């Protein structure tokens, strides 16, 4: 009976470490998704404040800002690509990347209404609450 605790510990501890590792990796994955979504909204709203620039300059500024901020704020991401689409009524930003730890693809799309920025802010707040 003296060795039963050792045998039980040999089965329980690896299982506990596995569960803790999975929870940590899932946390990093969800963190990256949330950060990319919030970074996308931030970049779009900052770019929408620059009303006096031409469409091409807005597109370049948004693309550069989105890629720089996305790479700076995420953890364990490679091949981060940002795609921007500006129409008369919407500004759309799409992030595509791969998380290195789990080799999972991440794809986040963000769109804000260009005509009424205050509506976009309300929609963003409602989306973040959900």
C-alpha atoms as a PDB file:
ATOM      1  CA  UNK A   1       0.000   0.000   0.000  1.00  0.00           C
ATOM      2  CA  UNK A   2       2.940   2.379   0.442  1.00  0.00           C
ATOM      3  CA  UNK A   3       3.580   2.620  -3.319  1.00  0.00           C
ATOM      4  CA  UNK A   4      -0.027   3.383  -4.264  1.00  0.00           C
ATOM      5  CA  UNK A   5       0.430   7.154  -3.820  1.00  0.00           C
ATOM      6  CA  UNK A   6       3.404   7.110  -6.181  1.00  0.00           C
ATOM      7  CA  UNK A   7       1.462   5.181  -8.827  1.00  0.00           C
ATOM      8  CA  UNK A   8      -1.532   7.508  -8.560  1.00  0.00           C
ATOM      9  CA  UNK A   9       0.706  10.583  -8.764  1.00  0.00           C
ATOM     10  CA  UNK A  10       2.386   9.169 -11.865  1.00  0.00           C
ATOM     11  CA  UNK A  11      -0.991   9.211 -13.633  1.00  0.00           C
ATOM     12  CA  UNK A  12      -2.528  12.370 -12.138  1.00  0.00           C
ATOM     13  CA  UNK A  13       0.335  14.861 -12.467  1.00  0.00           C
ATOM     14  CA  UNK A  14       0.942  14.447 -16.226  1.00  0.00           C
ATOM     15  CA  UNK A  15      -2.795  14.780 -16.818  1.00  0.00           C
ATOM     16  CA  UNK A  16      -2.916  17.980 -14.732  1.00  0.00           C
ATOM     17  CA  UNK A  17       0.077  19.434 -16.594  1.00  0.00           C
ATOM     18  CA  UNK A  18      -1.569  18.587 -19.917  1.00  0.00           C
ATOM     19  CA  UNK A  19      -4.796  20.337 -18.916  1.00  0.00           C
ATOM     20  CA  UNK A  20      -2.906  23.417 -17.699  1.00  0.00           C
ATOM     21  CA  UNK A  21      -0.931  23.550 -20.964  1.00  0.00           C
ATOM     22  CA  UNK A  22      -4.068  23.286 -23.091  1.00  0.00           C
ATOM     23  CA  UNK A  23      -5.761  26.057 -21.108  1.00  0.00           C
ATOM     24  CA  UNK A  24      -2.713  28.322 -21.534  1.00  0.00           C
ATOM     25  CA  UNK A  25      -2.520  27.712 -25.294  1.00  0.00           C
ATOM     26  CA  UNK A  26      -6.243  28.326 -25.674  1.00  0.00           C
ATOM     27  CA  UNK A  27      -5.866  31.529 -23.674  1.00  0.00           C
ATOM     28  CA  UNK A  28      -3.114  32.792 -25.984  1.00  0.00           C
ATOM     29  CA  UNK A  29      -5.253  31.936 -29.034  1.00  0.00           C
ATOM     30  CA  UNK A  30      -8.270  33.822 -27.683  1.00  0.00           C
ATOM     31  CA  UNK A  31      -6.051  36.718 -26.616  1.00  0.00           C
ATOM     32  CA  UNK A  32      -4.670  37.065 -30.152  1.00  0.00           C
ATOM     33  CA  UNK A  33      -8.167  37.053 -31.636  1.00  0.00           C
ATOM     34  CA  UNK A  34      -9.370  39.751 -29.249  1.00  0.00           C
ATOM     35  CA  UNK A  35      -6.266  41.890 -29.737  1.00  0.00           C
ATOM     36  CA  UNK A  36      -6.495  41.724 -33.534  1.00  0.00           C
ATOM     37  CA  UNK A  37     -10.170  42.662 -33.482  1.00  0.00           C
ATOM     38  CA  UNK A  38      -9.610  45.625 -31.162  1.00  0.00           C
ATOM     39  CA  UNK A  39      -6.511  46.725 -33.081  1.00  0.00           C
ATOM     40  CA  UNK A  40      -8.523  46.649 -36.298  1.00  0.00           C
ATOM     41  CA  UNK A  41     -11.231  48.874 -34.834  1.00  0.00           C
ATOM     42  CA  UNK A  42      -8.646  51.267 -33.425  1.00  0.00           C
ATOM     43  CA  UNK A  43      -6.786  51.570 -36.721  1.00  0.00           C
ATOM     44  CA  UNK A  44      -9.974  52.132 -38.710  1.00  0.00           C
ATOM     45  CA  UNK A  45     -11.257  54.812 -36.347  1.00  0.00           C
ATOM     46  CA  UNK A  46      -7.874  56.585 -36.272  1.00  0.00           C
ATOM     47  CA  UNK A  47      -7.771  56.542 -40.064  1.00  0.00           C
ATOM     48  CA  UNK A  48     -11.355  57.767 -40.363  1.00  0.00           C
ATOM     49  CA  UNK A  49     -10.381  60.869 -38.364  1.00  0.00           C
ATOM     50  CA  UNK A  50      -8.069  61.900 -41.228  1.00  0.00           C
ATOM     51  CA  UNK A  51     -10.843  63.222 -43.472  1.00  0.00           C
ATOM     52  CA  UNK A  52      -8.773  65.549 -45.661  1.00  0.00           C
ATOM     53  CA  UNK A  53      -6.609  62.833 -47.254  1.00  0.00           C
ATOM     54  CA  UNK A  54      -7.230  61.059 -50.555  1.00  0.00           C
ATOM     55  CA  UNK A  55      -8.502  57.482 -50.750  1.00  0.00           C
ATOM     56  CA  UNK A  56      -5.106  56.055 -51.736  1.00  0.00           C
ATOM     57  CA  UNK A  57      -3.339  57.787 -48.852  1.00  0.00           C
ATOM     58  CA  UNK A  58      -6.027  56.600 -46.407  1.00  0.00           C
ATOM     59  CA  UNK A  59      -5.605  53.065 -47.712  1.00  0.00           C
ATOM     60  CA  UNK A  60      -1.817  53.180 -47.303  1.00  0.00           C
ATOM     61  CA  UNK A  61      -2.044  54.706 -43.806  1.00  0.00           C
ATOM     62  CA  UNK A  62      -4.590  52.154 -42.638  1.00  0.00           C
ATOM     63  CA  UNK A  63      -2.665  49.209 -44.061  1.00  0.00           C
ATOM     64  CA  UNK A  64       0.624  50.335 -42.534  1.00  0.00           C
ATOM     65  CA  UNK A  65      -0.962  51.153 -39.167  1.00  0.00           C
ATOM     66  CA  UNK A  66      -2.856  47.842 -39.057  1.00  0.00           C
ATOM     67  CA  UNK A  67       0.188  45.687 -39.799  1.00  0.00           C
ATOM     68  CA  UNK A  68       2.508  47.526 -37.396  1.00  0.00           C
ATOM     69  CA  UNK A  69       0.039  47.522 -34.500  1.00  0.00           C
ATOM     70  CA  UNK A  70      -1.030  43.925 -35.137  1.00  0.00           C
ATOM     71  CA  UNK A  71       2.558  42.633 -35.096  1.00  0.00           C
ATOM     72  CA  UNK A  72       3.436  44.649 -32.006  1.00  0.00           C
ATOM     73  CA  UNK A  73       0.489  43.504 -29.884  1.00  0.00           C
ATOM     74  CA  UNK A  74       0.105  39.791 -30.626  1.00  0.00           C
ATOM     75  CA  UNK A  75       1.877  36.776 -29.124  1.00  0.00           C
ATOM     76  CA  UNK A  76       3.282  33.885 -31.143  1.00  0.00           C
ATOM     77  CA  UNK A  77       2.005  34.994 -34.550  1.00  0.00           C
ATOM     78  CA  UNK A  78       3.699  34.576 -37.907  1.00  0.00           C
ATOM     79  CA  UNK A  79       2.770  35.687 -41.424  1.00  0.00           C
ATOM     80  CA  UNK A  80       0.454  38.491 -40.316  1.00  0.00           C
ATOM     81  CA  UNK A  81      -1.220  39.992 -43.377  1.00  0.00           C
ATOM     82  CA  UNK A  82      -3.707  42.827 -43.364  1.00  0.00           C
ATOM     83  CA  UNK A  83      -6.102  43.478 -46.231  1.00  0.00           C
ATOM     84  CA  UNK A  84      -7.968  46.777 -46.458  1.00  0.00           C
ATOM     85  CA  UNK A  85     -11.053  47.604 -48.485  1.00  0.00           C
ATOM     86  CA  UNK A  86     -12.510  51.110 -48.574  1.00  0.00           C
ATOM     87  CA  UNK A  87     -15.908  51.746 -50.145  1.00  0.00           C
ATOM     88  CA  UNK A  88     -18.167  54.777 -50.063  1.00  0.00           C
ATOM     89  CA  UNK A  89     -20.005  53.557 -46.969  1.00  0.00           C
ATOM     90  CA  UNK A  90     -17.647  51.125 -45.173  1.00  0.00           C
ATOM     91  CA  UNK A  91     -14.035  50.619 -44.244  1.00  0.00           C
ATOM     92  CA  UNK A  92     -13.133  46.935 -43.920  1.00  0.00           C
ATOM     93  CA  UNK A  93      -9.992  45.385 -42.497  1.00  0.00           C
ATOM     94  CA  UNK A  94      -9.146  41.698 -42.573  1.00  0.00           C
ATOM     95  CA  UNK A  95      -6.298  40.061 -40.672  1.00  0.00           C
ATOM     96  CA  UNK A  96      -4.915  36.667 -41.676  1.00  0.00           C
ATOM     97  CA  UNK A  97      -2.140  34.942 -39.747  1.00  0.00           C
ATOM     98  CA  UNK A  98      -0.999  31.662 -38.239  1.00  0.00           C
ATOM     99  CA  UNK A  99      -0.480  31.045 -34.538  1.00  0.00           C
ATOM    100  CA  UNK A 100       2.878  29.326 -34.171  1.00  0.00           C
ATOM    101  CA  UNK A 101       2.200  27.368 -30.977  1.00  0.00           C
ATOM    102  CA  UNK A 102      -0.776  25.396 -32.282  1.00  0.00           C
ATOM    103  CA  UNK A 103      -0.311  26.051 -36.006  1.00  0.00           C
ATOM    104  CA  UNK A 104      -3.886  27.346 -36.164  1.00  0.00           C
ATOM    105  CA  UNK A 105      -4.960  29.885 -38.763  1.00  0.00           C
ATOM    106  CA  UNK A 106      -6.573  33.057 -37.457  1.00  0.00           C
ATOM    107  CA  UNK A 107      -8.817  35.171 -39.660  1.00  0.00           C
ATOM    108  CA  UNK A 108     -10.437  38.304 -38.231  1.00  0.00           C
ATOM    109  CA  UNK A 109     -12.628  40.725 -40.178  1.00  0.00           C
ATOM    110  CA  UNK A 110     -13.536  44.199 -38.943  1.00  0.00           C
ATOM    111  CA  UNK A 111     -15.814  46.708 -40.669  1.00  0.00           C
ATOM    112  CA  UNK A 112     -16.874  50.200 -39.654  1.00  0.00           C
ATOM    113  CA  UNK A 113     -19.470  52.461 -41.192  1.00  0.00           C
ATOM    114  CA  UNK A 114     -17.707  55.345 -42.887  1.00  0.00           C
ATOM    115  CA  UNK A 115     -20.601  57.751 -43.166  1.00  0.00           C
ATOM    116  CA  UNK A 116     -21.606  57.913 -39.501  1.00  0.00           C
ATOM    117  CA  UNK A 117     -18.624  57.279 -37.189  1.00  0.00           C
ATOM    118  CA  UNK A 118     -20.774  57.589 -34.063  1.00  0.00           C
ATOM    119  CA  UNK A 119     -22.853  54.627 -35.281  1.00  0.00           C
ATOM    120  CA  UNK A 120     -19.655  52.650 -35.736  1.00  0.00           C
ATOM    121  CA  UNK A 121     -18.608  53.452 -32.179  1.00  0.00           C
ATOM    122  CA  UNK A 122     -21.956  52.242 -30.843  1.00  0.00           C
ATOM    123  CA  UNK A 123     -21.730  49.044 -32.883  1.00  0.00           C
ATOM    124  CA  UNK A 124     -18.175  48.462 -31.700  1.00  0.00           C
ATOM    125  CA  UNK A 125     -19.167  48.868 -28.051  1.00  0.00           C
ATOM    126  CA  UNK A 126     -22.086  46.485 -28.512  1.00  0.00           C
ATOM    127  CA  UNK A 127     -19.848  43.925 -30.266  1.00  0.00           C
ATOM    128  CA  UNK A 128     -17.226  44.105 -27.508  1.00  0.00           C
ATOM    129  CA  UNK A 129     -19.879  43.507 -24.842  1.00  0.00           C
ATOM    130  CA  UNK A 130     -21.079  40.308 -26.552  1.00  0.00           C
END
